[in-house]
Every structure is written in structure tokens, then in C-alpha cells.
Amino acid sequence: MKIASRLTAVGASMALLSATLVVPSQAATAAPTDDNVIINEAYTNGGSANAAFTHKFVELYNPTDADISLDGWSIQYRSASGEAAPTGVIELSGTIKAGGYYLVQASSNGDTGEALPTADATGGVSFSGTNGTLVLADQAETVSLPVGSVTAEDEAAGVVDLLGYGTSNTFETAAATGPSANNDPKSMSRTDYVDTDDNSADFTASEEITPTNAAGETAGGGTGEPEPEPEVPTEVTPIAEIQGTGAASEMVGENVMTQGVVTAVYSTGGFNGYYLQTPGSGGDDDSTPGASDAIFVYSADTVGDVTIGDHVQVTGEVSEYYSGTQLTVRSGGVEQLDEPAEAVKPTALEFPADEETKEAHEGMLIDPSGMEWTITDNYDVNSYGSLGLAPGTSPLDNPTSVAAPGVEAQAVMEQNAEALIVLDDGASTNFMRSPGNQNKLPYLNIDDPVRVGSAVTFTDPVILDYRYDAWNFQPTQHLTHENAEEVQPATFEDTREAEATPEDVGGNVQLASFNVLNYFTTLGEEFENCDAYEDHEGNPIATDFCDPRGAYNEENFLRQQEKIVTAINGLDASVVALEEIENSAEFGKDRDESLAALVTALNEAAGAEKWAYAASPAELPGDEDVIRNAFIYQPGVVETVGESTILTDSDAFSNAREPLAQTFRALGEDGGIEGTEFVAITNHFKSKGSGSGAGNQDNGDGQGNSNADRVAQAEALVDFAEDQKTSEGTDRVFLMGDFNAYEKEDPIVVLEEAGYISQGAKSEGEYSYTFDAGVGSLDGIFASSGAEETVTGTDIWMINANESVALEYSRFNYTPEQLYTADQWRSSDHNPILVGVQLGDVEEPTDPTDPTEPTDPTDPEEPGNGNGKDDNPNKGPGNNSGKGPKKGEHPVHGENHPGQGKGNPWK
């Protein structure tokens, strides 16, 4: 493989220069074969039994016409199942001559074998003998290495060449065949220096081991003791016997022969194998209770020799890969059988299923069509082409949304883990981290948004597969965008229509909270050292860990802004609390510059001066974040009363955004209506991602990091709100924003115990955020008792968290299919929350069936007044949401809590 490095390619004229010219390492570039250094041979079993040499090594070769400096380069190693940075680095230096070699010596497994020629670089890194990934990098720092195929087109930063071998999850096109065991004295050798970007084709496991150094010295030609030929099985071992009844096969390491019907074939996508199942098994028949009748055959050599329905006999070695039992079958290890085989029947399992039940059906053909399924996670459809599914009619709950932190939440975690099934695409491709793999995404297109909460209908059987630490439903072939009509095993409900507009929440004033996902008018391109996330053509889109956290350039900023403007104008609230908007003062500008820009864009889109913003106060905190809280409002509906106020004297917000308070007054025909004043306070507490100090480490109770800090912030907010009540002369206070705490967590308990009442999701199935296959609300609006009396209805407008991240402006042009549209869908990662309030005189509600006859509010037979509350037993069920009756008679106004259930059968 020839991966592009940082500067331009060596020009054609370079070939005319003297062969003694040393090309700087920065000039190493992506190019066709013969234009860069390659890994030519890798020996991974040095010192083991039968070894030819005492140490492992990597031999490099320079096929170019110019010497190349390796100063600052490295050999890096990552395990076969690794997904993080490589764990071993051997730094290189010196020069590799044109047409010359360079020998890198690694660790040793023992004393067997002879010494290598004098190495040009050494290091104690240990490579796995049979499965792993070796990288030649033009940097000493560890590379950011994706999972899946990484080839020349991918332009993976720092990677010059790569060799994935055995069962490695990272390779060029397909992994090379490595030694079969540590005592198998073979090296992986490139044939005639040819690099076609396919490890499986370019490298051969060879008994000829020829380490050569920069001086041209090679070893004495020892090939080591030949590996004893594995004993050829003479009897057929049933698949169920290979699988066994435990979590792992008891036959690992043994060479076995078995027979079965091919039920799935993955010749592309990285799986490099196929599934076999015992003829006639499946359906209602459990021929071997507790043991699966299917097994995965890992065999890049033979996957092209079988098709679904074939009756075959295979011979190979038993192993466990990601805790999934498999056979490794080499070339010549599969035989087509002439005798007919009874067809395999799909098995209808009930889900959620315990671990033992799933283990007993590992690899078998499953029919999930008799059950209801719901998408509970769509984040990885953007990267791995997979969806998280939950059995039942609702997504999985985030544990601390429905259960108290600690034992109760941990029980929900366990239930979720048991229930979650990943609907995969029959491939290991990472679409986002490997630019060369940025093809059209399976399961997702602009007309089929696969939203969290959408129902899933299975149309074809699937394989129950265990890999990458998860139970999966695999289609029976590698699913791609192009073959979806034939291969995709399920269809998905389109739930967008019901969320096209927010619900009517009533009242003469509406309040909303909206996290706008780093709306920054200061752009990454304005900063010299600001890196960018790039699209599949290498164009910068969004900033990568810079102070300006949003769009990288004006073009992408306008895409982001179009979505946010569409969403806010669609929300159409009288007052909107904003979180994650740029604090322009941190860039030497007026603090309100970005806020003013957003208001200008909103008004331009609305075609009128519909919006204004609450200006920053004179008194500000001494040290602020680059993101801030803010208010915008409609001056035709409300007016501001006095200056906004920021909490400036609390240490609790040293790592978060200080609360911002603003008093508003409702407007009537003659201006402001006296007595309608209310205080709105917008907040953005410390996130769960990191924490330091007492009580801030994640202790596993479900609340994540920095819980103690968020509790302190909630307590400071309560005090700040009490001060605002006094100074503003009103008992109507709304606490709004992104609290970074779910409904049952300690910071929310602090607010509720202080008398603030959640105006969160009051209809079944509403939530503001999705994370880790669970749904819940980090965002909320909490009303004081005086404010609560004015509430007429609530809604969470589910336009963002339910949508795939692939639709964000920040993923513009990441795949050949353009998924960006200038609409409200995925304008942020948080769903906005909306509350209606009636301020001033309220007309007596009337009987909706007879507009001339008033409703008697004391008559229990009368319908509800539509305010969505259930605290008055004479009001009947609220119906303001338009989404059916309320969830129950919970004292905190019907909020979701354990025991009510959301259609999930395990509750």
C-alpha cells in the first residue's frame, strides 16, 4: 500500500538524479507501485518452537529509483482485535537505498533459531505470531488507525504501508494468511515486490525466510524446522459438538472435519468467510439442546468456492474470535458433497433472550419476523453500517432516566445489555474513519432516515452472530447500498411525518430550550493550527478540537446555520433559551456577535423583524468558556424587563457555563401586561465526559463523570433563582437548558426538592437525547410552583436526537450519496423542548362539543381542559399534546418512571 503523506509526490525528474540522493522523509507519498517504501517480509514467531530465527522482524524494501530517509519513521503494531491506537512503536532512522532493504528487529519468544543479520532498527515490541496489524508510518507518533480495509485511496494520516494478517480487523482489502500457530516457522513474504493493495493477494505464508538489512547482509538461509503437518481428521465431527454448550468451544486448537449447509456467504466486506449449519436443523427442532448447530468458517482462501445452499465438508482449526467460535479453513479445505441435504429452517427465538439461549443459537439462521422491533440506536449506521435494535415497540431507556442511580439503574443497564441486538451489514467496514471506504451507507438514505423509535419489520431471516463484543443480526450476504433490494433483511417505519411540526402547547407565550450544537461564526480556517474533519474528497467541513468548535469555513457555516434557522423558526416559541452558542468575547469580539448574527439570519428567513436577543449584561464572570448560554425572543409577543443577569460569584461553575437570567413580560394589544412577568434562567451544566476531584469520577452508578460538580451547580442555580425571585418581584421562575443529567439523577433531584417541577416529556415516548443505545432527557424546563400554575402544555420536538449523525452539516459530503438537506432534521444532537404558558387573564374553557356552553370544571364527567396536567382529579386526562392520553397519575405530572413501561416486554 502507498498512502499519501504530507507533501507532494517525488516528481518524475527525481528518477534522473543520482541514486545517492537522499529524499527527505516528508516527500514519501501515495503513489502506484514502485513509488514508496513497502513492507516486504514479516516474521512474527522468532524464538518459538521450530523457529528459524531468535527474533521477530519486519523487512522493508525501497522499489524506487531514489534513496529515502527513514528519519522519524516507525514500525507500529496493533492487535488483531484492537480499535485504539497501536500499542507498540519501533522508531526508525537512517536511509533505505534505492532498490535496497532495511531490517527492523522486534521481540523474541525464546531462544530457538539463529541470530538475525545486524538490524538497522530494534525495539522490544511483540507481534502476535498468527494475527495482527503491522504499519509502516512516516511518523514516530502512533497513527489513528481505522478498522476495516485501509488502502492507498484512504489517505490515512501517517500510514505508508500496512499488513494485516490472520484474523486482523484491519488490512488492505483482505488480511494476509499468516502462520497457523506460534510453532509454525513461516514468514509472510511479498511476491516480487508487487503491491496491489490486497494483503491476501500480495503476501504468502512461506517457509523461505530471508531477512536482509541495509548493508545487503542476509541470514544463512535457515528455514527452521518444518511445522508438523496437522493430523488430518478421518471422522466427521458434528457442528454442535464443536460448539459445545459453554461460552467457548472445548476444541480450540484442534483440527476437525465437519459438514453443513452454507447459510450465509461474506466474500466482500472483511468477514472473509461463511456460515455452515447442520442439515435439517433449526425451526422448532433443537437437535442438541444448549449447543448451536451452526459455525462460522473463516476462510479467505475458500469463500469464493461456496454459495448459499451448498452442502459442503470442511477441514480446519477451531478457534475463538471475539468470543465467537469459528473454523479457520485454508486452501483445499472445502469439499462439495454430492449427497442431498435437508434444508436448514430458520428458528423463531423470543427476544430478549438470555446469554445461554443466544449462545445455544450462535451462528444459526434466525427468523425475527414474528416480533415487534424498534430502532434504539442509529449512531453507528454512519460508521459501521449497523443499527441497534430493541425488542418491543419502544427504544431502550437510558438507565438513570427511569431508575435511581446505583442498584436500580444498574439493573436497567443489565436489562438493556441483554435486550440490545445489533442489525449489522455483514461487513467490518468503517465508512467514516477510512476515506477509501466512504461508500453509500447501507440502511440509510435521504428517503429512509432510520430514526430512533422507528419500528422495524423483518422480511428475511438473519444470522445470529457474535463479534465485536455484541450479538448481531447479520444479513446472509454483505449488504451494500447497491444490493439493498435483494439483501437488506428489514424495512423501517418513517416516523418523521408525526414530528414535522411541534405540538400545539397552548398559552399566549411559549418557552423553549435548544442546544444549537456549537453555533460559531468564528471559523476554523481563521486559525493557523486548527485541524479539520474532512469529507470523502478531502475538503474541510468542521473543526477538529479547536477553540472555534463549529464549522471550518463559511460554506459549511451557512449549511449549519440553515438547519438551525429552519428549526428555530419552525419551533416558533416566544422565548428560546440557547446553549452552545459562541461566546464571541473569547475571540476578542463583542460578546453578542454570534448571537446577533443568528438573530439576523432568523429574521431574514422569516421575512420580518420577528426575533431579537437579550443583550449581555455589564457584569460578566472573569473567566468564561468559548460557548455560552443566551436568550432570543419574539418582541411581538414578549418584552424584556431590565437587563439580563449572569451568575458571577459561584465557584460551582468554574468548569461549566454560568446561568443567564432574564425577566420577560407578556405583551397585549396595548403593550406589556402588568403582572405577567416571569424569570427565565438558561443553563448548561458540566458534561459527563470527564471529571476530577471528590465525587466526580464515574463510579458506575449510571451518572457518569462530574456528578458532584453538577450537584453543586444545581444547588447554586437554586440559590440564584431565589435571588431572582426577590429582585424581580415574581414567584414565576423557569429553569431551562441542558442540565447534562437524566431525569432520576442527583442534580435533578436537587431542583425538584427545591420545589421546581419538571415540564419534561409528558407524552409517551418523548425524550431529548440518545446515547449508548438508550434514550432520555438531558434537557428540561423546570417551573417554580407559581410558574407551574400557568403551564398549558409541553412537547419535545423530536427532530434531532432521533436522526442519524450522518445528516448533520458536519458530515456533509462524507459519502457519495449526499445526505445533507437545509431542513430542521439533525440541526443539532439535542431535541428542543417546548412549554406553553398562559399569562394574564384566562378565559373560562368551553365544552369542545358545544362552543356555546361553558365547561363546569368541578364536574368529573367533563373532559379535560387540555392543559396536560393530572393534579386536579376533576379535570380528566389531558389531551393538549395530540398524542393520546397521559402516561399515568405520577405525582410529578406523569413523567416516565420505572414500572410504567414503554411497551418493552422485559419491564
Foldseek 3Di string as FASTA:
>chain_A
DFAAEDDEEDDPCVLVDDLADEDELRRRGQDAFQRHKEFFKWAAQAADALAAHFWTKTKIFRSYSHKYWLQQKWKFKAFQLDQFWTPDIWGAGDIATHGGMAMETEAGPRDPHHHWPDHRTYYHDHYDQFWIKMFTFSHRDTFNAHFAAFFRLQNRYGTGYMATEHNHRYAQQEHAGGAPHSNAHWMWGADPSHDPSHNNVGTDGGLFDWHAHRVRDTDPRGSGDHDPDADDDDDADQQQQQLDQDLRGPQAFHKHKHKFFWAFAELGFHQQWTKGFHFPDAAPDLPDPRTARMAIERENQCSVVDDGGFIKMFIAGWDAAQSGIHGYGYHPGMDTDDDHTHHYDAHEDDPLDDPSVLSRHAFHWHDPQVFKKFFLADQCLQFFVKTKIFTWQAFQAQLLQFAAFDPSSVVSVVVNQSGIEMAGQSHRGTLQSRLVNQADGPPDAQVAFRFGRKIKHFAGIFTQHDHPNHTYTYFRYRDDPVCCVPTVGIGIHDPVVVLVAAFCQDALFKEKEDEQAQLDPDAQCVDDPWDARAASVRHGFFTDPDLRGGGHDDVLSVLLLLQVLQQVVRNVGQKYKYWNYFQCVVVVDQRCPSVVVSQVVNCVVVVHSQKDWQHADPDDAPDAGRIEMTMMGGVVFKDWDDHKDWPHPDPLCVPFYTKIKTKIFTADPVGGDPPQIAMEIEGAFDAQPDEDDPPADCPPRSLHGPLVSLLSNLVVVLVVVVVCCVVVVHQKYKYWYQSNGFCNYNSNVSVVVSQWFWQPDFAARDAWARDPSHGTHRTTITIHPRNVVFWQGKTFSPQALRGHPCAESSNANNYPRGNYDSYNHNSDNTTMMMIHGHGDDDDQDAQPVDRVHGDDQQALVGEASQSQFPPDVSRHFHCSRVRDGTQDVPVSRRRHYPPSDRGRVVD
